[in-house]
Amino acid sequence: MQYLYLVLFAFLLSTGQILFKKAALVDQGGGLFAALTNYWLLLALILYAIATVLWIWLLRTVPLSIAYPFTALGFILVPLAATLVFGEELGWRFAIGSFLVITGIVVINT
């Protein structure tokens, strides 16, 4: 069950990154107040807060050497989400790199 929560953690962080990008694309004239009223930014921060609480809870039961490699899933999830949300393109190098990242996570956790 811990592995499911570790994957959930990676999804939360990845979604937060997409929301940060959405926040960056909103032109609100700059300034601190504009940033604080950017609902994409606020949503990203809330998601990161939830992810942080989940991470701390996970570290109570999972060794850091096992848990931390799951953060590398973000290297796969964020670009995949960017293709869906922002229309960014990925090439064959991304596919090879993703395979290597997943292989590394599997090797570390077996």
N, C-alpha and C. Protein backbone atom coordinates (compact mmCIF):
# COMPACT_ATOMS: atom_id res chain seq x y z
N MET A 1 0.83 -1.20 0.00
CA MET A 1 0.00 0.00 0.00
C MET A 1 0.87 1.26 0.00
N GLN A 2 2.07 1.17 0.62
CA GLN A 2 2.96 2.32 0.67
C GLN A 2 3.35 2.77 -0.73
N TYR A 3 3.53 1.79 -1.64
CA TYR A 3 3.92 2.14 -3.01
C TYR A 3 2.83 2.95 -3.70
N LEU A 4 1.59 2.62 -3.41
CA LEU A 4 0.48 3.39 -3.97
C LEU A 4 0.52 4.83 -3.48
N TYR A 5 0.81 5.01 -2.20
CA TYR A 5 0.91 6.36 -1.64
C TYR A 5 2.12 7.10 -2.20
N LEU A 6 3.20 6.39 -2.46
CA LEU A 6 4.37 7.03 -3.05
C LEU A 6 4.07 7.51 -4.47
N VAL A 7 3.33 6.72 -5.21
CA VAL A 7 2.93 7.14 -6.57
C VAL A 7 1.96 8.32 -6.47
N LEU A 8 1.04 8.28 -5.52
CA LEU A 8 0.13 9.41 -5.30
C LEU A 8 0.91 10.68 -4.99
N PHE A 9 1.94 10.55 -4.15
CA PHE A 9 2.79 11.70 -3.83
C PHE A 9 3.42 12.28 -5.11
N ALA A 10 3.92 11.41 -5.97
CA ALA A 10 4.52 11.87 -7.23
C ALA A 10 3.48 12.57 -8.10
N PHE A 11 2.25 12.06 -8.13
CA PHE A 11 1.19 12.70 -8.90
C PHE A 11 0.83 14.07 -8.33
N LEU A 12 0.79 14.18 -7.02
CA LEU A 12 0.49 15.47 -6.39
C LEU A 12 1.54 16.51 -6.74
N LEU A 13 2.82 16.12 -6.64
CA LEU A 13 3.89 17.06 -6.99
C LEU A 13 3.84 17.45 -8.46
N SER A 14 3.58 16.48 -9.31
CA SER A 14 3.53 16.74 -10.75
C SER A 14 2.36 17.66 -11.10
N THR A 15 1.23 17.42 -10.50
CA THR A 15 0.07 18.29 -10.72
C THR A 15 0.37 19.69 -10.23
N GLY A 16 1.05 19.79 -9.09
CA GLY A 16 1.45 21.10 -8.58
C GLY A 16 2.33 21.84 -9.57
N GLN A 17 3.24 21.14 -10.22
CA GLN A 17 4.11 21.78 -11.21
C GLN A 17 3.31 22.31 -12.39
N ILE A 18 2.33 21.55 -12.83
CA ILE A 18 1.48 22.02 -13.94
C ILE A 18 0.70 23.26 -13.51
N LEU A 19 0.22 23.26 -12.28
CA LEU A 19 -0.51 24.43 -11.78
C LEU A 19 0.40 25.64 -11.64
N PHE A 20 1.66 25.42 -11.24
CA PHE A 20 2.62 26.54 -11.18
C PHE A 20 2.83 27.13 -12.57
N LYS A 21 2.91 26.28 -13.59
CA LYS A 21 3.07 26.77 -14.96
C LYS A 21 1.83 27.56 -15.38
N LYS A 22 0.63 27.05 -15.05
CA LYS A 22 -0.60 27.78 -15.36
C LYS A 22 -0.60 29.14 -14.67
N ALA A 23 -0.14 29.18 -13.42
CA ALA A 23 -0.07 30.43 -12.68
C ALA A 23 0.90 31.40 -13.34
N ALA A 24 2.00 30.87 -13.84
CA ALA A 24 3.00 31.73 -14.48
C ALA A 24 2.48 32.33 -15.79
N LEU A 25 1.54 31.67 -16.42
CA LEU A 25 1.02 32.15 -17.70
C LEU A 25 -0.09 33.19 -17.54
N VAL A 26 -0.58 33.36 -16.31
CA VAL A 26 -1.63 34.34 -16.06
C VAL A 26 -0.97 35.71 -15.91
N ASP A 27 -1.40 36.64 -16.75
CA ASP A 27 -0.86 38.00 -16.67
C ASP A 27 -1.76 38.84 -15.78
N GLN A 28 -1.27 39.07 -14.55
CA GLN A 28 -2.05 39.86 -13.60
C GLN A 28 -1.36 41.17 -13.25
N GLY A 29 -0.42 41.59 -14.05
CA GLY A 29 0.23 42.87 -13.81
C GLY A 29 1.34 42.83 -12.79
N GLY A 30 1.66 41.71 -12.25
CA GLY A 30 2.78 41.60 -11.31
C GLY A 30 2.42 42.08 -9.91
N GLY A 31 3.39 42.02 -9.06
CA GLY A 31 3.21 42.45 -7.68
C GLY A 31 2.77 41.32 -6.78
N LEU A 32 2.99 41.51 -5.50
CA LEU A 32 2.68 40.49 -4.50
C LEU A 32 1.18 40.22 -4.42
N PHE A 33 0.38 41.27 -4.41
CA PHE A 33 -1.05 41.07 -4.30
C PHE A 33 -1.60 40.29 -5.48
N ALA A 34 -1.10 40.59 -6.68
CA ALA A 34 -1.55 39.86 -7.88
C ALA A 34 -1.19 38.39 -7.76
N ALA A 35 -0.01 38.10 -7.26
CA ALA A 35 0.39 36.70 -7.08
C ALA A 35 -0.50 36.00 -6.08
N LEU A 36 -0.85 36.69 -5.02
CA LEU A 36 -1.67 36.07 -3.97
C LEU A 36 -3.12 35.87 -4.41
N THR A 37 -3.55 36.57 -5.44
CA THR A 37 -4.91 36.39 -5.94
C THR A 37 -4.96 35.49 -7.17
N ASN A 38 -3.84 34.94 -7.55
CA ASN A 38 -3.79 34.01 -8.67
C ASN A 38 -4.25 32.65 -8.17
N TYR A 39 -5.46 32.25 -8.55
CA TYR A 39 -6.01 31.01 -8.01
C TYR A 39 -5.23 29.78 -8.44
N TRP A 40 -4.56 29.82 -9.60
CA TRP A 40 -3.70 28.69 -10.00
C TRP A 40 -2.54 28.53 -9.01
N LEU A 41 -1.97 29.65 -8.62
CA LEU A 41 -0.87 29.61 -7.66
C LEU A 41 -1.36 29.11 -6.30
N LEU A 42 -2.48 29.61 -5.85
CA LEU A 42 -3.02 29.17 -4.56
C LEU A 42 -3.35 27.68 -4.56
N LEU A 43 -3.92 27.21 -5.66
CA LEU A 43 -4.23 25.79 -5.77
C LEU A 43 -2.95 24.94 -5.76
N ALA A 44 -1.92 25.41 -6.46
CA ALA A 44 -0.64 24.70 -6.48
C ALA A 44 -0.04 24.64 -5.08
N LEU A 45 -0.09 25.73 -4.35
CA LEU A 45 0.46 25.75 -2.99
C LEU A 45 -0.31 24.83 -2.05
N ILE A 46 -1.64 24.79 -2.20
CA ILE A 46 -2.45 23.89 -1.38
C ILE A 46 -2.09 22.43 -1.70
N LEU A 47 -1.93 22.15 -2.98
CA LEU A 47 -1.57 20.79 -3.38
C LEU A 47 -0.20 20.40 -2.84
N TYR A 48 0.74 21.34 -2.88
CA TYR A 48 2.06 21.07 -2.32
C TYR A 48 2.01 20.88 -0.81
N ALA A 49 1.13 21.58 -0.14
CA ALA A 49 0.97 21.39 1.31
C ALA A 49 0.44 19.99 1.61
N ILE A 50 -0.53 19.56 0.84
CA ILE A 50 -1.07 18.21 1.00
C ILE A 50 0.02 17.17 0.72
N ALA A 51 0.78 17.38 -0.34
CA ALA A 51 1.87 16.46 -0.69
C ALA A 51 2.92 16.41 0.41
N THR A 52 3.20 17.54 1.03
CA THR A 52 4.19 17.59 2.11
C THR A 52 3.72 16.78 3.32
N VAL A 53 2.46 16.92 3.66
CA VAL A 53 1.92 16.15 4.78
C VAL A 53 1.96 14.65 4.46
N LEU A 54 1.59 14.29 3.24
CA LEU A 54 1.67 12.89 2.81
C LEU A 54 3.10 12.38 2.87
N TRP A 55 4.04 13.19 2.42
CA TRP A 55 5.46 12.80 2.42
C TRP A 55 5.96 12.53 3.84
N ILE A 56 5.63 13.41 4.75
CA ILE A 56 6.05 13.23 6.15
C ILE A 56 5.43 11.96 6.72
N TRP A 57 4.17 11.72 6.42
CA TRP A 57 3.51 10.50 6.88
C TRP A 57 4.19 9.27 6.29
N LEU A 58 4.52 9.32 5.00
CA LEU A 58 5.19 8.18 4.36
C LEU A 58 6.55 7.90 4.98
N LEU A 59 7.28 8.95 5.31
CA LEU A 59 8.62 8.77 5.85
C LEU A 59 8.61 8.14 7.24
N ARG A 60 7.47 8.09 7.88
CA ARG A 60 7.36 7.39 9.17
C ARG A 60 7.47 5.89 8.99
N THR A 61 7.07 5.40 7.81
CA THR A 61 7.02 3.95 7.60
C THR A 61 7.92 3.44 6.48
N VAL A 62 8.35 4.33 5.61
CA VAL A 62 9.16 3.91 4.46
C VAL A 62 10.56 4.53 4.59
N PRO A 63 11.60 3.72 4.42
CA PRO A 63 12.95 4.29 4.46
C PRO A 63 13.13 5.34 3.34
N LEU A 64 13.83 6.39 3.65
CA LEU A 64 14.07 7.45 2.67
C LEU A 64 14.74 6.91 1.41
N SER A 65 15.61 5.94 1.56
CA SER A 65 16.31 5.37 0.40
C SER A 65 15.35 4.63 -0.54
N ILE A 66 14.20 4.22 -0.03
CA ILE A 66 13.18 3.58 -0.86
C ILE A 66 12.20 4.63 -1.40
N ALA A 67 11.81 5.57 -0.56
CA ALA A 67 10.79 6.56 -0.92
C ALA A 67 11.30 7.59 -1.92
N TYR A 68 12.51 8.08 -1.71
CA TYR A 68 12.98 9.22 -2.50
C TYR A 68 13.04 8.97 -4.00
N PRO A 69 13.42 7.79 -4.46
CA PRO A 69 13.43 7.58 -5.92
C PRO A 69 12.08 7.79 -6.59
N PHE A 70 10.99 7.69 -5.84
CA PHE A 70 9.68 7.92 -6.44
C PHE A 70 9.48 9.37 -6.86
N THR A 71 10.25 10.27 -6.29
CA THR A 71 10.14 11.66 -6.73
C THR A 71 10.58 11.80 -8.19
N ALA A 72 11.40 10.85 -8.67
CA ALA A 72 11.85 10.88 -10.06
C ALA A 72 10.71 10.63 -11.03
N LEU A 73 9.60 10.09 -10.55
CA LEU A 73 8.44 9.93 -11.43
C LEU A 73 7.97 11.26 -11.98
N GLY A 74 8.25 12.33 -11.25
CA GLY A 74 7.90 13.66 -11.74
C GLY A 74 8.59 14.00 -13.04
N PHE A 75 9.78 13.43 -13.27
CA PHE A 75 10.50 13.67 -14.53
C PHE A 75 9.74 13.08 -15.71
N ILE A 76 8.84 12.15 -15.43
CA ILE A 76 8.02 11.55 -16.47
C ILE A 76 6.63 12.18 -16.50
N LEU A 77 6.03 12.31 -15.32
CA LEU A 77 4.65 12.78 -15.24
C LEU A 77 4.48 14.23 -15.68
N VAL A 78 5.40 15.10 -15.29
CA VAL A 78 5.25 16.52 -15.63
C VAL A 78 5.32 16.73 -17.15
N PRO A 79 6.32 16.21 -17.85
CA PRO A 79 6.32 16.39 -19.31
C PRO A 79 5.10 15.76 -20.00
N LEU A 80 4.65 14.59 -19.52
CA LEU A 80 3.45 13.99 -20.10
C LEU A 80 2.25 14.90 -19.92
N ALA A 81 2.09 15.43 -18.73
CA ALA A 81 0.97 16.35 -18.47
C ALA A 81 1.12 17.63 -19.29
N ALA A 82 2.35 18.08 -19.48
CA ALA A 82 2.58 19.29 -20.27
C ALA A 82 2.16 19.09 -21.72
N THR A 83 2.27 17.88 -22.23
CA THR A 83 1.81 17.63 -23.60
C THR A 83 0.29 17.73 -23.68
N LEU A 84 -0.39 17.26 -22.62
CA LEU A 84 -1.85 17.31 -22.62
C LEU A 84 -2.39 18.71 -22.35
N VAL A 85 -1.79 19.40 -21.40
CA VAL A 85 -2.32 20.69 -20.96
C VAL A 85 -1.82 21.85 -21.82
N PHE A 86 -0.54 21.82 -22.19
CA PHE A 86 0.06 22.95 -22.90
C PHE A 86 0.43 22.65 -24.35
N GLY A 87 0.23 21.42 -24.78
CA GLY A 87 0.55 21.06 -26.16
C GLY A 87 2.03 20.95 -26.45
N GLU A 88 2.84 20.76 -25.40
CA GLU A 88 4.28 20.61 -25.61
C GLU A 88 4.56 19.27 -26.28
N GLU A 89 5.67 19.19 -26.99
CA GLU A 89 6.01 17.97 -27.72
C GLU A 89 7.13 17.21 -27.02
N LEU A 90 7.03 15.88 -27.12
CA LEU A 90 8.05 15.00 -26.56
C LEU A 90 8.59 14.12 -27.68
N GLY A 91 9.87 13.76 -27.57
CA GLY A 91 10.48 12.94 -28.61
C GLY A 91 10.87 11.57 -28.10
N TRP A 92 11.57 10.86 -28.94
CA TRP A 92 12.01 9.50 -28.60
C TRP A 92 12.98 9.50 -27.43
N ARG A 93 13.74 10.57 -27.25
CA ARG A 93 14.67 10.64 -26.12
C ARG A 93 13.92 10.64 -24.79
N PHE A 94 12.76 11.29 -24.79
CA PHE A 94 11.93 11.28 -23.58
C PHE A 94 11.48 9.85 -23.27
N ALA A 95 11.07 9.12 -24.30
CA ALA A 95 10.63 7.74 -24.10
C ALA A 95 11.76 6.88 -23.53
N ILE A 96 12.94 7.01 -24.07
CA ILE A 96 14.08 6.23 -23.58
C ILE A 96 14.42 6.64 -22.15
N GLY A 97 14.47 7.93 -21.89
CA GLY A 97 14.75 8.42 -20.54
C GLY A 97 13.71 7.96 -19.53
N SER A 98 12.45 7.98 -19.93
CA SER A 98 11.37 7.53 -19.04
C SER A 98 11.53 6.05 -18.71
N PHE A 99 11.87 5.27 -19.73
CA PHE A 99 12.10 3.85 -19.50
C PHE A 99 13.24 3.64 -18.49
N LEU A 100 14.30 4.41 -18.64
CA LEU A 100 15.43 4.28 -17.73
C LEU A 100 15.07 4.70 -16.30
N VAL A 101 14.29 5.77 -16.16
CA VAL A 101 13.87 6.21 -14.83
C VAL A 101 13.02 5.14 -14.16
N ILE A 102 12.05 4.62 -14.88
CA ILE A 102 11.18 3.58 -14.31
C ILE A 102 11.98 2.33 -13.98
N THR A 103 12.91 1.96 -14.87
CA THR A 103 13.76 0.81 -14.60
C THR A 103 14.59 1.04 -13.34
N GLY A 104 15.11 2.22 -13.17
CA GLY A 104 15.89 2.54 -11.97
C GLY A 104 15.06 2.43 -10.71
N ILE A 105 13.84 2.93 -10.75
CA ILE A 105 12.97 2.85 -9.57
C ILE A 105 12.67 1.39 -9.23
N VAL A 106 12.41 0.59 -10.26
CA VAL A 106 12.14 -0.82 -10.03
C VAL A 106 13.36 -1.52 -9.45
N VAL A 107 14.54 -1.25 -10.01
CA VAL A 107 15.76 -1.89 -9.52
C VAL A 107 16.01 -1.51 -8.07
N ILE A 108 15.85 -0.25 -7.73
CA ILE A 108 16.10 0.20 -6.36
C ILE A 108 15.13 -0.45 -5.38
N ASN A 109 13.90 -0.68 -5.82
CA ASN A 109 12.86 -1.19 -4.91
C ASN A 109 12.66 -2.69 -4.96
N THR A 110 13.57 -3.42 -5.60
CA THR A 110 13.44 -4.88 -5.60
C THR A 110 14.61 -5.51 -4.87
